[in-house]
Amino acid sequence: MPIRVKQGDQYSVPILIRLNGEPVDESEIAEVEFTLGNGVRKMFPQEVQYNSADGCFYLPLTQAETFDFPANGSVTLDIRVKFVGGNVMGVQRMESFAVADASSEVIL
């Protein structure tokens, strides 16, 4: 699913993690690292929330972080999962956030 973000947006982006085509079972996860191409790094369970109702992780983005995204460009989201048993696996198909330019760069 393509993700679109406008510079200056502040909200939590829903992310469904799949490994080998199957949704990841949250009970088997110790940590998840979410890294955006511009240097934003957030961890589950510290900063990122999980919603068992929809099976999505919610990656919070601040206005300051999205203002740093390239105008009318994109940023790549890389995800690595550390399982309870100690194995670490990266998601093979990285997502890209399409970024729309904002006229104002004032944080509200």
Protein backbone atom coordinates (compact mmCIF):
# COMPACT_ATOMS: atom_id res chain seq x y z
CA MET A 1 0.00 0.00 0.00
CA PRO A 2 1.58 3.33 -1.00
CA ILE A 3 2.06 5.75 1.87
CA ARG A 4 1.65 9.48 1.25
CA VAL A 5 2.83 12.13 3.70
CA LYS A 6 2.78 15.90 3.41
CA GLN A 7 5.59 17.92 4.92
CA GLY A 8 4.37 19.16 8.31
CA ASP A 9 2.02 16.20 8.93
CA GLN A 10 1.99 14.80 12.45
CA TYR A 11 0.28 11.47 13.02
CA SER A 12 0.93 7.77 13.46
CA VAL A 13 1.29 5.85 10.19
CA PRO A 14 -0.21 2.32 10.25
CA ILE A 15 2.32 -0.33 9.20
CA LEU A 16 1.42 -3.99 8.66
CA ILE A 17 4.57 -6.08 8.90
CA ARG A 18 4.76 -9.24 6.80
CA LEU A 19 7.62 -11.69 6.64
CA ASN A 20 7.51 -14.35 3.93
CA GLY A 21 4.05 -13.05 2.98
CA GLU A 22 2.52 -13.64 6.42
CA PRO A 23 1.66 -11.02 9.07
CA VAL A 24 4.11 -11.12 11.97
CA ASP A 25 2.70 -12.49 15.24
CA GLU A 26 3.20 -9.73 17.83
CA SER A 27 3.60 -12.27 20.65
CA GLU A 28 6.78 -13.56 18.98
CA ILE A 29 8.40 -10.11 18.73
CA ALA A 30 10.95 -8.70 21.18
CA GLU A 31 11.69 -5.47 19.26
CA VAL A 32 11.10 -3.83 15.90
CA GLU A 33 13.32 -1.16 14.39
CA PHE A 34 11.71 1.30 11.95
CA THR A 35 14.21 3.47 10.03
CA LEU A 36 13.31 6.18 7.54
CA GLY A 37 15.82 7.24 4.90
CA ASN A 38 16.40 10.66 6.44
CA GLY A 39 17.66 9.28 9.75
CA VAL A 40 14.43 8.88 11.73
CA ARG A 41 14.71 5.71 13.84
CA LYS A 42 11.92 4.50 16.11
CA MET A 43 11.58 1.31 18.11
CA PHE A 44 8.74 -0.95 19.18
CA PRO A 45 7.78 -1.18 21.98
CA GLN A 46 9.40 2.10 23.12
CA GLU A 47 8.02 4.68 20.64
CA VAL A 48 5.88 2.63 18.26
CA GLN A 49 2.52 1.24 19.36
CA TYR A 50 0.88 -2.03 18.25
CA ASN A 51 -2.88 -2.41 17.75
CA SER A 52 -4.05 -6.03 18.01
CA ALA A 53 -7.47 -5.14 16.53
CA ASP A 54 -6.00 -4.42 13.09
CA GLY A 55 -2.56 -6.05 13.44
CA CYS A 56 -0.78 -2.78 12.60
CA PHE A 57 2.14 -1.04 14.19
CA TYR A 58 1.63 2.73 14.46
CA LEU A 59 4.76 4.71 13.60
CA PRO A 60 4.47 8.22 15.08
CA LEU A 61 5.84 11.08 12.99
CA THR A 62 6.23 14.64 14.26
CA GLN A 63 5.84 17.83 12.25
CA ALA A 64 9.57 18.49 12.56
CA GLU A 65 10.39 15.02 11.21
CA THR A 66 8.11 15.32 8.18
CA PHE A 67 9.36 18.85 7.41
CA ASP A 68 12.81 17.21 7.03
CA PHE A 69 11.47 14.88 4.31
CA PRO A 70 12.44 15.94 0.75
CA ALA A 71 9.77 18.08 -0.92
CA ASN A 72 7.95 16.22 -3.70
CA GLY A 73 10.29 13.28 -3.18
CA SER A 74 10.20 10.11 -1.14
CA VAL A 75 11.77 8.42 1.87
CA THR A 76 12.29 4.70 2.27
CA LEU A 77 11.09 2.81 5.33
CA ASP A 78 13.28 -0.09 6.41
CA ILE A 79 12.05 -2.51 9.08
CA ARG A 80 13.98 -5.10 11.11
CA VAL A 81 12.31 -7.47 13.55
CA LYS A 82 14.03 -9.05 16.54
CA PHE A 83 12.15 -12.14 17.67
CA VAL A 84 11.85 -13.42 21.23
CA GLY A 85 14.24 -16.29 20.37
CA GLY A 86 16.95 -13.80 19.32
CA ASN A 87 16.71 -14.07 15.51
CA VAL A 88 16.68 -10.78 13.60
CA MET A 89 15.03 -10.55 10.18
CA GLY A 90 14.60 -7.56 7.91
CA VAL A 91 11.52 -7.02 5.81
CA GLN A 92 12.62 -7.68 2.22
CA ARG A 93 10.22 -5.30 0.48
CA MET A 94 10.84 -1.82 1.79
CA GLU A 95 8.04 0.73 1.60
CA SER A 96 8.49 4.28 0.34
CA PHE A 97 6.67 7.32 1.64
CA ALA A 98 5.73 9.73 -1.15
CA VAL A 99 6.23 13.26 0.21
CA ALA A 100 4.16 16.25 -0.85
CA ASP A 101 5.58 19.76 -0.45
CA ALA A 102 4.06 22.19 2.07
CA SER A 103 3.68 25.92 1.44
CA SER A 104 4.22 26.77 5.10
CA GLU A 105 7.03 25.36 7.21
CA VAL A 106 5.68 26.62 10.52
CA ILE A 107 5.10 24.03 13.25
CA LEU A 108 1.57 24.39 14.56
